[in-house]
Amino acid sequence: MNIIGSKVVFTIDDLPRSRHFFTTHLGFREMLDTLDLVWLNRDDAAVDIMLHQRDLERPPERIAQPVVAFAVTDLVKESTRLSAEGAPVTTRLWRSPWGERLMRLTDPNGIVVELTEWIPPSGA
C-alpha cells in the first residue's frame, strides 16, 4: 500500500461551530462544504480535517468519534486485497458524487481507519 496523504475525521453535533473554529482560529480553508460534511485544508498542514454532521435524531455513541483516514492509490485493488485477507471491513468500497472512493475498516479496539482515493469527475 502506498499512503500518499491523511486527514482526521470528526463526527460532531454542530457543524457550523466547528467549521468556524477551524477556519477562524486555525487558518484552515474550506475545500468542500455540503449539508453534512466540511473538508478543511491548509497548504502547510500535514493533515486535512473532515467534519461530518452527526445524525441528530440518533443518540450519540460517544462525544466524538475520531477516524484515522489515509489517502491511498488504487483503492479498488486494496479493497480486493483487504477483503481476501479477511480484514474487518465496516464500510465497503463506494464512490461519492464528488469523486471520492472510500472504504472503512475497524480494528479490534474500535479504531476506525478510512481509506480514500480521489477520482476526478468525468471530463476533468
PDB file of N, CA and C in Angstrom:
ATOM      1  N   MET A   1       0.848  -1.172   0.000  1.00  0.00           N
ATOM      2  CA  MET A   1       0.000   0.000   0.000  1.00  0.00           C
ATOM      3  C   MET A   1       0.893   1.235   0.000  1.00  0.00           C
ATOM      4  N   ASN A   2       0.566   2.202  -0.828  1.00  0.00           N
ATOM      5  CA  ASN A   2       1.302   3.449  -0.920  1.00  0.00           C
ATOM      6  C   ASN A   2       0.429   4.559  -0.333  1.00  0.00           C
ATOM      7  N   ILE A   3       0.669   4.948   0.934  1.00  0.00           N
ATOM      8  CA  ILE A   3      -0.107   6.010   1.568  1.00  0.00           C
ATOM      9  C   ILE A   3       0.441   7.344   1.082  1.00  0.00           C
ATOM     10  N   ILE A   4      -0.444   8.179   0.524  1.00  0.00           N
ATOM     11  CA  ILE A   4       0.007   9.442  -0.070  1.00  0.00           C
ATOM     12  C   ILE A   4      -0.550  10.670   0.647  1.00  0.00           C
ATOM     13  N   GLY A   5      -1.337  10.491   1.675  1.00  0.00           N
ATOM     14  CA  GLY A   5      -1.877  11.617   2.413  1.00  0.00           C
ATOM     15  C   GLY A   5      -2.741  11.135   3.551  1.00  0.00           C
ATOM     16  N   SER A   6      -3.186  12.051   4.394  1.00  0.00           N
ATOM     17  CA  SER A   6      -4.040  11.663   5.514  1.00  0.00           C
ATOM     18  C   SER A   6      -4.931  12.828   5.922  1.00  0.00           C
ATOM     19  N   LYS A   7      -6.013  12.501   6.644  1.00  0.00           N
ATOM     20  CA  LYS A   7      -6.900  13.505   7.207  1.00  0.00           C
ATOM     21  C   LYS A   7      -7.461  12.965   8.514  1.00  0.00           C
ATOM     22  N   VAL A   8      -7.896  13.851   9.377  1.00  0.00           N
ATOM     23  CA  VAL A   8      -8.563  13.472  10.615  1.00  0.00           C
ATOM     24  C   VAL A   8     -10.035  13.794  10.424  1.00  0.00           C
ATOM     25  N   VAL A   9     -10.893  12.822  10.719  1.00  0.00           N
ATOM     26  CA  VAL A   9     -12.333  12.965  10.521  1.00  0.00           C
ATOM     27  C   VAL A   9     -13.019  12.971  11.886  1.00  0.00           C
ATOM     28  N   PHE A  10     -13.901  13.949  12.100  1.00  0.00           N
ATOM     29  CA  PHE A  10     -14.651  14.040  13.342  1.00  0.00           C
ATOM     30  C   PHE A  10     -16.139  14.051  13.033  1.00  0.00           C
ATOM     31  N   THR A  11     -16.907  13.245  13.765  1.00  0.00           N
ATOM     32  CA  THR A  11     -18.359  13.261  13.678  1.00  0.00           C
ATOM     33  C   THR A  11     -18.839  14.115  14.839  1.00  0.00           C
ATOM     34  N   ILE A  12     -19.561  15.178  14.512  1.00  0.00           N
ATOM     35  CA  ILE A  12     -19.882  16.204  15.506  1.00  0.00           C
ATOM     36  C   ILE A  12     -21.351  16.579  15.465  1.00  0.00           C
ATOM     37  N   ASP A  13     -21.804  17.261  16.515  1.00  0.00           N
ATOM     38  CA  ASP A  13     -23.199  17.692  16.598  1.00  0.00           C
ATOM     39  C   ASP A  13     -23.448  19.030  15.913  1.00  0.00           C
ATOM     40  N   ASP A  14     -22.490  19.940  15.955  1.00  0.00           N
ATOM     41  CA  ASP A  14     -22.705  21.294  15.452  1.00  0.00           C
ATOM     42  C   ASP A  14     -21.661  21.630  14.393  1.00  0.00           C
ATOM     43  N   LEU A  15     -21.980  21.313  13.154  1.00  0.00           N
ATOM     44  CA  LEU A  15     -21.049  21.516  12.037  1.00  0.00           C
ATOM     45  C   LEU A  15     -20.648  22.985  11.859  1.00  0.00           C
ATOM     46  N   PRO A  16     -21.584  23.933  11.866  1.00  0.00           N
ATOM     47  CA  PRO A  16     -21.184  25.330  11.660  1.00  0.00           C
ATOM     48  C   PRO A  16     -20.193  25.856  12.703  1.00  0.00           C
ATOM     49  N   ARG A  17     -20.369  25.466  13.960  1.00  0.00           N
ATOM     50  CA  ARG A  17     -19.462  25.960  15.002  1.00  0.00           C
ATOM     51  C   ARG A  17     -18.057  25.398  14.834  1.00  0.00           C
ATOM     52  N   SER A  18     -17.950  24.122  14.473  1.00  0.00           N
ATOM     53  CA  SER A  18     -16.617  23.548  14.258  1.00  0.00           C
ATOM     54  C   SER A  18     -15.962  24.141  13.021  1.00  0.00           C
ATOM     55  N   ARG A  19     -16.733  24.335  11.957  1.00  0.00           N
ATOM     56  CA  ARG A  19     -16.200  24.979  10.749  1.00  0.00           C
ATOM     57  C   ARG A  19     -15.637  26.347  11.108  1.00  0.00           C
ATOM     58  N   HIS A  20     -16.404  27.120  11.850  1.00  0.00           N
ATOM     59  CA  HIS A  20     -15.981  28.456  12.261  1.00  0.00           C
ATOM     60  C   HIS A  20     -14.689  28.395  13.092  1.00  0.00           C
ATOM     61  N   PHE A  21     -14.616  27.462  14.016  1.00  0.00           N
ATOM     62  CA  PHE A  21     -13.425  27.326  14.863  1.00  0.00           C
ATOM     63  C   PHE A  21     -12.177  27.064  14.022  1.00  0.00           C
ATOM     64  N   PHE A  22     -12.238  26.067  13.151  1.00  0.00           N
ATOM     65  CA  PHE A  22     -11.058  25.688  12.365  1.00  0.00           C
ATOM     66  C   PHE A  22     -10.662  26.767  11.357  1.00  0.00           C
ATOM     67  N   THR A  23     -11.646  27.435  10.749  1.00  0.00           N
ATOM     68  CA  THR A  23     -11.308  28.451   9.756  1.00  0.00           C
ATOM     69  C   THR A  23     -10.883  29.764  10.409  1.00  0.00           C
ATOM     70  N   THR A  24     -11.509  30.113  11.510  1.00  0.00           N
ATOM     71  CA  THR A  24     -11.200  31.379  12.168  1.00  0.00           C
ATOM     72  C   THR A  24      -9.944  31.295  13.031  1.00  0.00           C
ATOM     73  N   HIS A  25      -9.845  30.264  13.831  1.00  0.00           N
ATOM     74  CA  HIS A  25      -8.771  30.178  14.817  1.00  0.00           C
ATOM     75  C   HIS A  25      -7.537  29.443  14.329  1.00  0.00           C
ATOM     76  N   LEU A  26      -7.688  28.537  13.400  1.00  0.00           N
ATOM     77  CA  LEU A  26      -6.553  27.719  12.983  1.00  0.00           C
ATOM     78  C   LEU A  26      -6.149  27.921  11.532  1.00  0.00           C
ATOM     79  N   GLY A  27      -6.815  28.798  10.837  1.00  0.00           N
ATOM     80  CA  GLY A  27      -6.399  29.143   9.487  1.00  0.00           C
ATOM     81  C   GLY A  27      -6.687  28.115   8.414  1.00  0.00           C
ATOM     82  N   PHE A  28      -7.594  27.162   8.673  1.00  0.00           N
ATOM     83  CA  PHE A  28      -7.979  26.215   7.632  1.00  0.00           C
ATOM     84  C   PHE A  28      -8.918  26.911   6.656  1.00  0.00           C
ATOM     85  N   ARG A  29      -8.982  26.397   5.427  1.00  0.00           N
ATOM     86  CA  ARG A  29      -9.925  26.923   4.436  1.00  0.00           C
ATOM     87  C   ARG A  29     -10.817  25.767   3.959  1.00  0.00           C
ATOM     88  N   GLU A  30     -12.012  26.133   3.531  1.00  0.00           N
ATOM     89  CA  GLU A  30     -12.962  25.120   3.077  1.00  0.00           C
ATOM     90  C   GLU A  30     -12.598  24.643   1.681  1.00  0.00           C
ATOM     91  N   MET A  31     -12.454  23.336   1.533  1.00  0.00           N
ATOM     92  CA  MET A  31     -12.230  22.717   0.235  1.00  0.00           C
ATOM     93  C   MET A  31     -13.541  22.171  -0.324  1.00  0.00           C
ATOM     94  N   LEU A  32     -14.421  21.723   0.575  1.00  0.00           N
ATOM     95  CA  LEU A  32     -15.723  21.179   0.199  1.00  0.00           C
ATOM     96  C   LEU A  32     -16.675  21.468   1.346  1.00  0.00           C
ATOM     97  N   ASP A  33     -17.882  21.954   1.019  1.00  0.00           N
ATOM     98  CA  ASP A  33     -18.867  22.282   2.037  1.00  0.00           C
ATOM     99  C   ASP A  33     -20.218  21.768   1.562  1.00  0.00           C
ATOM    100  N   THR A  34     -20.756  20.749   2.255  1.00  0.00           N
ATOM    101  CA  THR A  34     -22.074  20.215   1.932  1.00  0.00           C
ATOM    102  C   THR A  34     -22.937  20.299   3.181  1.00  0.00           C
ATOM    103  N   LEU A  35     -24.166  19.830   3.103  1.00  0.00           N
ATOM    104  CA  LEU A  35     -25.052  19.883   4.261  1.00  0.00           C
ATOM    105  C   LEU A  35     -24.536  19.082   5.443  1.00  0.00           C
ATOM    106  N   ASP A  36     -23.850  17.966   5.169  1.00  0.00           N
ATOM    107  CA  ASP A  36     -23.444  17.122   6.291  1.00  0.00           C
ATOM    108  C   ASP A  36     -21.938  16.899   6.407  1.00  0.00           C
ATOM    109  N   LEU A  37     -21.133  17.601   5.599  1.00  0.00           N
ATOM    110  CA  LEU A  37     -19.697  17.485   5.788  1.00  0.00           C
ATOM    111  C   LEU A  37     -18.971  18.712   5.276  1.00  0.00           C
ATOM    112  N   VAL A  38     -17.841  18.982   5.925  1.00  0.00           N
ATOM    113  CA  VAL A  38     -16.954  20.068   5.526  1.00  0.00           C
ATOM    114  C   VAL A  38     -15.545  19.508   5.498  1.00  0.00           C
ATOM    115  N   TRP A  39     -14.844  19.762   4.394  1.00  0.00           N
ATOM    116  CA  TRP A  39     -13.455  19.335   4.246  1.00  0.00           C
ATOM    117  C   TRP A  39     -12.603  20.591   4.350  1.00  0.00           C
ATOM    118  N   LEU A  40     -11.668  20.581   5.320  1.00  0.00           N
ATOM    119  CA  LEU A  40     -10.812  21.733   5.582  1.00  0.00           C
ATOM    120  C   LEU A  40      -9.356  21.383   5.294  1.00  0.00           C
ATOM    121  N   ASN A  41      -8.608  22.377   4.813  1.00  0.00           N
ATOM    122  CA  ASN A  41      -7.233  22.146   4.391  1.00  0.00           C
ATOM    123  C   ASN A  41      -6.394  23.374   4.688  1.00  0.00           C
ATOM    124  N   ARG A  42      -5.104  23.158   4.837  1.00  0.00           N
ATOM    125  CA  ARG A  42      -4.111  24.235   4.927  1.00  0.00           C
ATOM    126  C   ARG A  42      -2.961  23.838   4.033  1.00  0.00           C
ATOM    127  N   ASP A  43      -2.340  24.794   3.359  1.00  0.00           N
ATOM    128  CA  ASP A  43      -1.203  24.481   2.500  1.00  0.00           C
ATOM    129  C   ASP A  43      -0.037  23.895   3.295  1.00  0.00           C
ATOM    130  N   ASP A  44       0.128  24.329   4.541  1.00  0.00           N
ATOM    131  CA  ASP A  44       1.273  23.879   5.317  1.00  0.00           C
ATOM    132  C   ASP A  44       0.943  22.765   6.310  1.00  0.00           C
ATOM    133  N   ALA A  45      -0.279  22.274   6.311  1.00  0.00           N
ATOM    134  CA  ALA A  45      -0.679  21.250   7.275  1.00  0.00           C
ATOM    135  C   ALA A  45      -0.348  19.854   6.766  1.00  0.00           C
ATOM    136  N   ALA A  46       0.076  19.009   7.662  1.00  0.00           N
ATOM    137  CA  ALA A  46       0.373  17.630   7.296  1.00  0.00           C
ATOM    138  C   ALA A  46      -0.895  16.799   7.173  1.00  0.00           C
ATOM    139  N   VAL A  47      -1.999  17.305   7.669  1.00  0.00           N
ATOM    140  CA  VAL A  47      -3.236  16.541   7.662  1.00  0.00           C
ATOM    141  C   VAL A  47      -4.402  17.486   7.375  1.00  0.00           C
ATOM    142  N   ASP A  48      -5.402  16.992   6.665  1.00  0.00           N
ATOM    143  CA  ASP A  48      -6.648  17.719   6.444  1.00  0.00           C
ATOM    144  C   ASP A  48      -7.617  17.367   7.568  1.00  0.00           C
ATOM    145  N   ILE A  49      -8.636  18.205   7.747  1.00  0.00           N
ATOM    146  CA  ILE A  49      -9.685  17.961   8.736  1.00  0.00           C
ATOM    147  C   ILE A  49     -10.991  17.765   7.980  1.00  0.00           C
ATOM    148  N   MET A  50     -11.712  16.697   8.291  1.00  0.00           N
ATOM    149  CA  MET A  50     -13.025  16.433   7.709  1.00  0.00           C
ATOM    150  C   MET A  50     -14.031  16.435   8.863  1.00  0.00           C
ATOM    151  N   LEU A  51     -15.032  17.280   8.763  1.00  0.00           N
ATOM    152  CA  LEU A  51     -16.075  17.372   9.779  1.00  0.00           C
ATOM    153  C   LEU A  51     -17.356  16.772   9.222  1.00  0.00           C
ATOM    154  N   HIS A  52     -17.881  15.751   9.892  1.00  0.00           N
ATOM    155  CA  HIS A  52     -19.139  15.106   9.491  1.00  0.00           C
ATOM    156  C   HIS A  52     -20.214  15.454  10.512  1.00  0.00           C
ATOM    157  N   GLN A  53     -21.369  15.856  10.038  1.00  0.00           N
ATOM    158  CA  GLN A  53     -22.503  16.136  10.919  1.00  0.00           C
ATOM    159  C   GLN A  53     -23.080  14.820  11.425  1.00  0.00           C
ATOM    160  N   ARG A  54     -23.193  14.682  12.751  1.00  0.00           N
ATOM    161  CA  ARG A  54     -23.826  13.502  13.343  1.00  0.00           C
ATOM    162  C   ARG A  54     -25.320  13.558  13.072  1.00  0.00           C
ATOM    163  N   ASP A  55     -25.926  12.404  12.839  1.00  0.00           N
ATOM    164  CA  ASP A  55     -27.378  12.309  12.689  1.00  0.00           C
ATOM    165  C   ASP A  55     -27.994  12.653  14.036  1.00  0.00           C
ATOM    166  N   LEU A  56     -28.590  13.838  14.154  1.00  0.00           N
ATOM    167  CA  LEU A  56     -29.069  14.327  15.449  1.00  0.00           C
ATOM    168  C   LEU A  56     -30.304  13.595  15.951  1.00  0.00           C
ATOM    169  N   GLU A  57     -30.940  12.785  15.101  1.00  0.00           N
ATOM    170  CA  GLU A  57     -32.095  12.008  15.550  1.00  0.00           C
ATOM    171  C   GLU A  57     -31.681  10.712  16.239  1.00  0.00           C
ATOM    172  N   ARG A  58     -30.398  10.385  16.139  1.00  0.00           N
ATOM    173  CA  ARG A  58     -29.884   9.186  16.809  1.00  0.00           C
ATOM    174  C   ARG A  58     -29.079   9.627  18.031  1.00  0.00           C
ATOM    175  N   PRO A  59     -29.177   8.886  19.123  1.00  0.00           N
ATOM    176  CA  PRO A  59     -28.381   9.268  20.291  1.00  0.00           C
ATOM    177  C   PRO A  59     -26.887   9.112  19.991  1.00  0.00           C
ATOM    178  N   PRO A  60     -26.063  10.006  20.530  1.00  0.00           N
ATOM    179  CA  PRO A  60     -24.625   9.901  20.279  1.00  0.00           C
ATOM    180  C   PRO A  60     -24.050   8.649  20.932  1.00  0.00           C
ATOM    181  N   GLU A  61     -23.151   7.985  20.208  1.00  0.00           N
ATOM    182  CA  GLU A  61     -22.469   6.823  20.771  1.00  0.00           C
ATOM    183  C   GLU A  61     -21.316   7.265  21.657  1.00  0.00           C
ATOM    184  N   ARG A  62     -20.700   8.364  21.301  1.00  0.00           N
ATOM    185  CA  ARG A  62     -19.585   8.945  22.043  1.00  0.00           C
ATOM    186  C   ARG A  62     -19.679  10.456  21.883  1.00  0.00           C
ATOM    187  N   ILE A  63     -18.862  11.177  22.642  1.00  0.00           N
ATOM    188  CA  ILE A  63     -18.815  12.623  22.477  1.00  0.00           C
ATOM    189  C   ILE A  63     -18.240  12.951  21.108  1.00  0.00           C
ATOM    190  N   ALA A  64     -17.203  12.248  20.706  1.00  0.00           N
ATOM    191  CA  ALA A  64     -16.602  12.417  19.384  1.00  0.00           C
ATOM    192  C   ALA A  64     -16.162  11.044  18.899  1.00  0.00           C
ATOM    193  N   GLN A  65     -16.166  10.838  17.605  1.00  0.00           N
ATOM    194  CA  GLN A  65     -15.726   9.577  17.047  1.00  0.00           C
ATOM    195  C   GLN A  65     -14.587   9.842  16.069  1.00  0.00           C
ATOM    196  N   PRO A  66     -13.350   9.850  16.575  1.00  0.00           N
ATOM    197  CA  PRO A  66     -12.230  10.093  15.665  1.00  0.00           C
ATOM    198  C   PRO A  66     -12.049   8.950  14.677  1.00  0.00           C
ATOM    199  N   VAL A  67     -11.591   9.308  13.497  1.00  0.00           N
ATOM    200  CA  VAL A  67     -11.313   8.350  12.438  1.00  0.00           C
ATOM    201  C   VAL A  67      -9.937   8.663  11.876  1.00  0.00           C
ATOM    202  N   VAL A  68      -9.096   7.659  11.721  1.00  0.00           N
ATOM    203  CA  VAL A  68      -7.808   7.847  11.056  1.00  0.00           C
ATOM    204  C   VAL A  68      -8.042   7.583   9.577  1.00  0.00           C
ATOM    205  N   ALA A  69      -7.723   8.570   8.740  1.00  0.00           N
ATOM    206  CA  ALA A  69      -8.000   8.445   7.314  1.00  0.00           C
ATOM    207  C   ALA A  69      -6.720   8.601   6.512  1.00  0.00           C
ATOM    208  N   PHE A  70      -6.543   7.705   5.541  1.00  0.00           N
ATOM    209  CA  PHE A  70      -5.373   7.732   4.677  1.00  0.00           C
ATOM    210  C   PHE A  70      -5.813   7.833   3.226  1.00  0.00           C
ATOM    211  N   ALA A  71      -5.234   8.770   2.497  1.00  0.00           N
ATOM    212  CA  ALA A  71      -5.437   8.837   1.053  1.00  0.00           C
ATOM    213  C   ALA A  71      -4.451   7.859   0.429  1.00  0.00           C
ATOM    214  N   VAL A  72      -4.947   6.968  -0.407  1.00  0.00           N
ATOM    215  CA  VAL A  72      -4.116   5.915  -0.992  1.00  0.00           C
ATOM    216  C   VAL A  72      -4.287   5.885  -2.505  1.00  0.00           C
ATOM    217  N   THR A  73      -3.439   5.133  -3.148  1.00  0.00           N
ATOM    218  CA  THR A  73      -3.569   4.918  -4.580  1.00  0.00           C
ATOM    219  C   THR A  73      -4.205   3.549  -4.817  1.00  0.00           C
ATOM    220  N   ASP A  74      -4.931   3.405  -5.917  1.00  0.00           N
ATOM    221  CA  ASP A  74      -5.540   2.151  -6.361  1.00  0.00           C
ATOM    222  C   ASP A  74      -6.377   1.479  -5.264  1.00  0.00           C
ATOM    223  N   LEU A  75      -7.395   2.207  -4.781  1.00  0.00           N
ATOM    224  CA  LEU A  75      -8.227   1.696  -3.702  1.00  0.00           C
ATOM    225  C   LEU A  75      -9.032   0.466  -4.107  1.00  0.00           C
ATOM    226  N   VAL A  76      -9.389   0.336  -5.373  1.00  0.00           N
ATOM    227  CA  VAL A  76     -10.104  -0.866  -5.819  1.00  0.00           C
ATOM    228  C   VAL A  76      -9.238  -2.104  -5.565  1.00  0.00           C
ATOM    229  N   LYS A  77      -7.974  -2.029  -5.943  1.00  0.00           N
ATOM    230  CA  LYS A  77      -7.039  -3.142  -5.716  1.00  0.00           C
ATOM    231  C   LYS A  77      -6.875  -3.411  -4.219  1.00  0.00           C
ATOM    232  N   GLU A  78      -6.727  -2.337  -3.428  1.00  0.00           N
ATOM    233  CA  GLU A  78      -6.551  -2.509  -1.987  1.00  0.00           C
ATOM    234  C   GLU A  78      -7.795  -3.110  -1.350  1.00  0.00           C
ATOM    235  N   SER A  79      -8.979  -2.710  -1.803  1.00  0.00           N
ATOM    236  CA  SER A  79     -10.220  -3.264  -1.280  1.00  0.00           C
ATOM    237  C   SER A  79     -10.307  -4.765  -1.546  1.00  0.00           C
ATOM    238  N   THR A  80      -9.939  -5.162  -2.745  1.00  0.00           N
ATOM    239  CA  THR A  80      -9.937  -6.590  -3.092  1.00  0.00           C
ATOM    240  C   THR A  80      -8.973  -7.355  -2.199  1.00  0.00           C
ATOM    241  N   ARG A  81      -7.769  -6.813  -2.035  1.00  0.00           N
ATOM    242  CA  ARG A  81      -6.759  -7.465  -1.199  1.00  0.00           C
ATOM    243  C   ARG A  81      -7.232  -7.576   0.252  1.00  0.00           C
ATOM    244  N   LEU A  82      -7.739  -6.489   0.806  1.00  0.00           N
ATOM    245  CA  LEU A  82      -8.174  -6.491   2.199  1.00  0.00           C
ATOM    246  C   LEU A  82      -9.338  -7.461   2.427  1.00  0.00           C
ATOM    247  N   SER A  83     -10.279  -7.501   1.506  1.00  0.00           N
ATOM    248  CA  SER A  83     -11.401  -8.445   1.625  1.00  0.00           C
ATOM    249  C   SER A  83     -10.910  -9.880   1.570  1.00  0.00           C
ATOM    250  N   ALA A  84      -9.969 -10.157   0.655  1.00  0.00           N
ATOM    251  CA  ALA A  84      -9.408 -11.512   0.537  1.00  0.00           C
ATOM    252  C   ALA A  84      -8.674 -11.918   1.804  1.00  0.00           C
ATOM    253  N   GLU A  85      -8.065 -10.962   2.484  1.00  0.00           N
ATOM    254  CA  GLU A  85      -7.346 -11.240   3.726  1.00  0.00           C
ATOM    255  C   GLU A  85      -8.272 -11.381   4.927  1.00  0.00           C
ATOM    256  N   GLY A  86      -9.548 -11.089   4.732  1.00  0.00           N
ATOM    257  CA  GLY A  86     -10.494 -11.160   5.851  1.00  0.00           C
ATOM    258  C   GLY A  86     -10.406  -9.966   6.781  1.00  0.00           C
ATOM    259  N   ALA A  87      -9.909  -8.846   6.283  1.00  0.00           N
ATOM    260  CA  ALA A  87      -9.821  -7.631   7.098  1.00  0.00           C
ATOM    261  C   ALA A  87     -11.225  -7.214   7.539  1.00  0.00           C
ATOM    262  N   PRO A  88     -11.338  -6.609   8.710  1.00  0.00           N
ATOM    263  CA  PRO A  88     -12.657  -6.210   9.224  1.00  0.00           C
ATOM    264  C   PRO A  88     -13.197  -4.964   8.517  1.00  0.00           C
ATOM    265  N   VAL A  89     -13.741  -5.143   7.332  1.00  0.00           N
ATOM    266  CA  VAL A  89     -14.296  -4.040   6.539  1.00  0.00           C
ATOM    267  C   VAL A  89     -15.660  -3.676   7.118  1.00  0.00           C
ATOM    268  N   THR A  90     -15.812  -2.416   7.516  1.00  0.00           N
ATOM    269  CA  THR A  90     -17.078  -1.974   8.097  1.00  0.00           C
ATOM    270  C   THR A  90     -17.883  -1.093   7.142  1.00  0.00           C
ATOM    271  N   THR A  91     -17.230  -0.503   6.147  1.00  0.00           N
ATOM    272  CA  THR A  91     -17.924   0.198   5.066  1.00  0.00           C
ATOM    273  C   THR A  91     -17.277  -0.264   3.767  1.00  0.00           C
ATOM    274  N   ARG A  92     -18.042  -0.990   2.977  1.00  0.00           N
ATOM    275  CA  ARG A  92     -17.497  -1.476   1.716  1.00  0.00           C
ATOM    276  C   ARG A  92     -17.203  -0.328   0.767  1.00  0.00           C
ATOM    277  N   LEU A  93     -16.339  -0.583  -0.184  1.00  0.00           N
ATOM    278  CA  LEU A  93     -15.907   0.425  -1.149  1.00  0.00           C
ATOM    279  C   LEU A  93     -17.107   1.049  -1.858  1.00  0.00           C
ATOM    280  N   TRP A  94     -17.141   2.374  -1.914  1.00  0.00           N
ATOM    281  CA  TRP A  94     -18.177   3.102  -2.650  1.00  0.00           C
ATOM    282  C   TRP A  94     -17.565   4.385  -3.196  1.00  0.00           C
ATOM    283  N   ARG A  95     -18.271   4.990  -4.142  1.00  0.00           N
ATOM    284  CA  ARG A  95     -17.798   6.231  -4.765  1.00  0.00           C
ATOM    285  C   ARG A  95     -18.824   7.327  -4.527  1.00  0.00           C
ATOM    286  N   SER A  96     -18.342   8.464  -4.057  1.00  0.00           N
ATOM    287  CA  SER A  96     -19.222   9.598  -3.770  1.00  0.00           C
ATOM    288  C   SER A  96     -19.511  10.378  -5.047  1.00  0.00           C
ATOM    289  N   PRO A  97     -20.556  11.198  -5.041  1.00  0.00           N
ATOM    290  CA  PRO A  97     -20.868  12.023  -6.209  1.00  0.00           C
ATOM    291  C   PRO A  97     -19.785  13.051  -6.515  1.00  0.00           C
ATOM    292  N   TRP A  98     -18.977  13.436  -5.537  1.00  0.00           N
ATOM    293  CA  TRP A  98     -17.942  14.450  -5.773  1.00  0.00           C
ATOM    294  C   TRP A  98     -16.602  13.850  -6.158  1.00  0.00           C
ATOM    295  N   GLY A  99     -16.533  12.525  -6.360  1.00  0.00           N
ATOM    296  CA  GLY A  99     -15.343  11.923  -6.948  1.00  0.00           C
ATOM    297  C   GLY A  99     -14.391  11.256  -5.990  1.00  0.00           C
ATOM    298  N   GLU A 100     -14.863  10.811  -4.852  1.00  0.00           N
ATOM    299  CA  GLU A 100     -14.005  10.137  -3.889  1.00  0.00           C
ATOM    300  C   GLU A 100     -14.435   8.685  -3.746  1.00  0.00           C
ATOM    301  N   ARG A 101     -13.450   7.772  -3.787  1.00  0.00           N
ATOM    302  CA  ARG A 101     -13.717   6.381  -3.407  1.00  0.00           C
ATOM    303  C   ARG A 101     -13.374   6.269  -1.932  1.00  0.00           C
ATOM    304  N   LEU A 102     -14.132   5.468  -1.220  1.00  0.00           N
ATOM    305  CA  LEU A 102     -13.955   5.365   0.217  1.00  0.00           C
ATOM    306  C   LEU A 102     -14.317   3.981   0.706  1.00  0.00           C
ATOM    307  N   MET A 103     -13.581   3.516   1.703  1.00  0.00           N
ATOM    308  CA  MET A 103     -13.953   2.321   2.445  1.00  0.00           C
ATOM    309  C   MET A 103     -13.442   2.490   3.869  1.00  0.00           C
ATOM    310  N   ARG A 104     -14.026   1.755   4.804  1.00  0.00           N
ATOM    311  CA  ARG A 104     -13.596   1.830   6.194  1.00  0.00           C
ATOM    312  C   ARG A 104     -13.351   0.439   6.763  1.00  0.00           C
ATOM    313  N   LEU A 105     -12.366   0.400   7.642  1.00  0.00           N
ATOM    314  CA  LEU A 105     -12.036  -0.793   8.416  1.00  0.00           C
ATOM    315  C   LEU A 105     -12.125  -0.409   9.892  1.00  0.00           C
ATOM    316  N   THR A 106     -12.382  -1.386  10.762  1.00  0.00           N
ATOM    317  CA  THR A 106     -12.365  -1.120  12.193  1.00  0.00           C
ATOM    318  C   THR A 106     -11.481  -2.145  12.866  1.00  0.00           C
ATOM    319  N   ASP A 107     -10.495  -1.666  13.627  1.00  0.00           N
ATOM    320  CA  ASP A 107      -9.567  -2.570  14.303  1.00  0.00           C
ATOM    321  C   ASP A 107     -10.244  -3.195  15.522  1.00  0.00           C
ATOM    322  N   PRO A 108      -9.635  -4.212  16.142  1.00  0.00           N
ATOM    323  CA  PRO A 108     -10.264  -4.905  17.272  1.00  0.00           C
ATOM    324  C   PRO A 108     -10.594  -4.007  18.464  1.00  0.00           C
ATOM    325  N   ASN A 109      -9.933  -2.858  18.579  1.00  0.00           N
ATOM    326  CA  ASN A 109     -10.213  -1.941  19.677  1.00  0.00           C
ATOM    327  C   ASN A 109     -11.182  -0.831  19.296  1.00  0.00           C
ATOM    328  N   GLY A 110     -11.775  -0.908  18.110  1.00  0.00           N
ATOM    329  CA  GLY A 110     -12.773   0.063  17.689  1.00  0.00           C
ATOM    330  C   GLY A 110     -12.220   1.261  16.947  1.00  0.00           C
ATOM    331  N   ILE A 111     -10.926   1.284  16.627  1.00  0.00           N
ATOM    332  CA  ILE A 111     -10.358   2.388  15.874  1.00  0.00           C
ATOM    333  C   ILE A 111     -10.784   2.262  14.425  1.00  0.00           C
ATOM    334  N   VAL A 112     -11.416   3.303  13.923  1.00  0.00           N
ATOM    335  CA  VAL A 112     -11.896   3.308  12.542  1.00  0.00           C
ATOM    336  C   VAL A 112     -10.794   3.858  11.642  1.00  0.00           C
ATOM    337  N   VAL A 113     -10.475   3.110  10.580  1.00  0.00           N
ATOM    338  CA  VAL A 113      -9.486   3.524   9.593  1.00  0.00           C
ATOM    339  C   VAL A 113     -10.210   3.678   8.263  1.00  0.00           C
ATOM    340  N   GLU A 114     -10.132   4.876   7.707  1.00  0.00           N
ATOM    341  CA  GLU A 114     -10.787   5.174   6.444  1.00  0.00           C
ATOM    342  C   GLU A 114      -9.733   5.265   5.351  1.00  0.00           C
ATOM    343  N   LEU A 115      -9.957   4.564   4.261  1.00  0.00           N
ATOM    344  CA  LEU A 115      -9.077   4.625   3.097  1.00  0.00           C
ATOM    345  C   LEU A 115      -9.838   5.334   1.988  1.00  0.00           C
ATOM    346  N   THR A 116      -9.202   6.345   1.389  1.00  0.00           N
ATOM    347  CA  THR A 116      -9.863   7.114   0.350  1.00  0.00           C
ATOM    348  C   THR A 116      -8.954   7.293  -0.852  1.00  0.00           C
ATOM    349  N   GLU A 117      -9.578   7.497  -1.989  1.00  0.00           N
ATOM    350  CA  GLU A 117      -8.856   7.796  -3.221  1.00  0.00           C
ATOM    351  C   GLU A 117      -9.691   8.799  -4.016  1.00  0.00           C
ATOM    352  N   TRP A 118      -9.066   9.898  -4.419  1.00  0.00           N
ATOM    353  CA  TRP A 118      -9.746  10.907  -5.217  1.00  0.00           C
ATOM    354  C   TRP A 118      -9.768  10.472  -6.667  1.00  0.00           C
ATOM    355  N   ILE A 119     -10.940  10.423  -7.256  1.00  0.00           N
ATOM    356  CA  ILE A 119     -11.119  10.085  -8.662  1.00  0.00           C
ATOM    357  C   ILE A 119     -11.756  11.306  -9.314  1.00  0.00           C
ATOM    358  N   PRO A 120     -11.049  12.023 -10.206  1.00  0.00           N
ATOM    359  CA  PRO A 120     -11.624  13.210 -10.830  1.00  0.00           C
ATOM    360  C   PRO A 120     -12.925  12.877 -11.559  1.00  0.00           C
ATOM    361  N   PRO A 121     -13.927  13.768 -11.483  1.00  0.00           N
ATOM    362  CA  PRO A 121     -15.170  13.551 -12.219  1.00  0.00           C
ATOM    363  C   PRO A 121     -14.887  13.401 -13.723  1.00  0.00           C
ATOM    364  N   SER A 122     -15.754  12.737 -14.429  1.00  0.00           N
ATOM    365  CA  SER A 122     -15.606  12.538 -15.858  1.00  0.00           C
ATOM    366  C   SER A 122     -15.417  13.863 -16.577  1.00  0.00           C
ATOM    367  N   GLY A 123     -14.490  13.878 -17.508  1.00  0.00           N
ATOM    368  CA  GLY A 123     -14.230  15.078 -18.283  1.00  0.00           C
ATOM    369  C   GLY A 123     -13.263  16.029 -17.617  1.00  0.00           C
ATOM    370  N   ALA A 124     -12.809  15.701 -16.400  1.00  0.00           N
ATOM    371  CA  ALA A 124     -11.884  16.599 -15.688  1.00  0.00           C
ATOM    372  C   ALA A 124     -10.451  16.202 -15.926  1.00  0.00           C
TER     373      ALA A 124
END
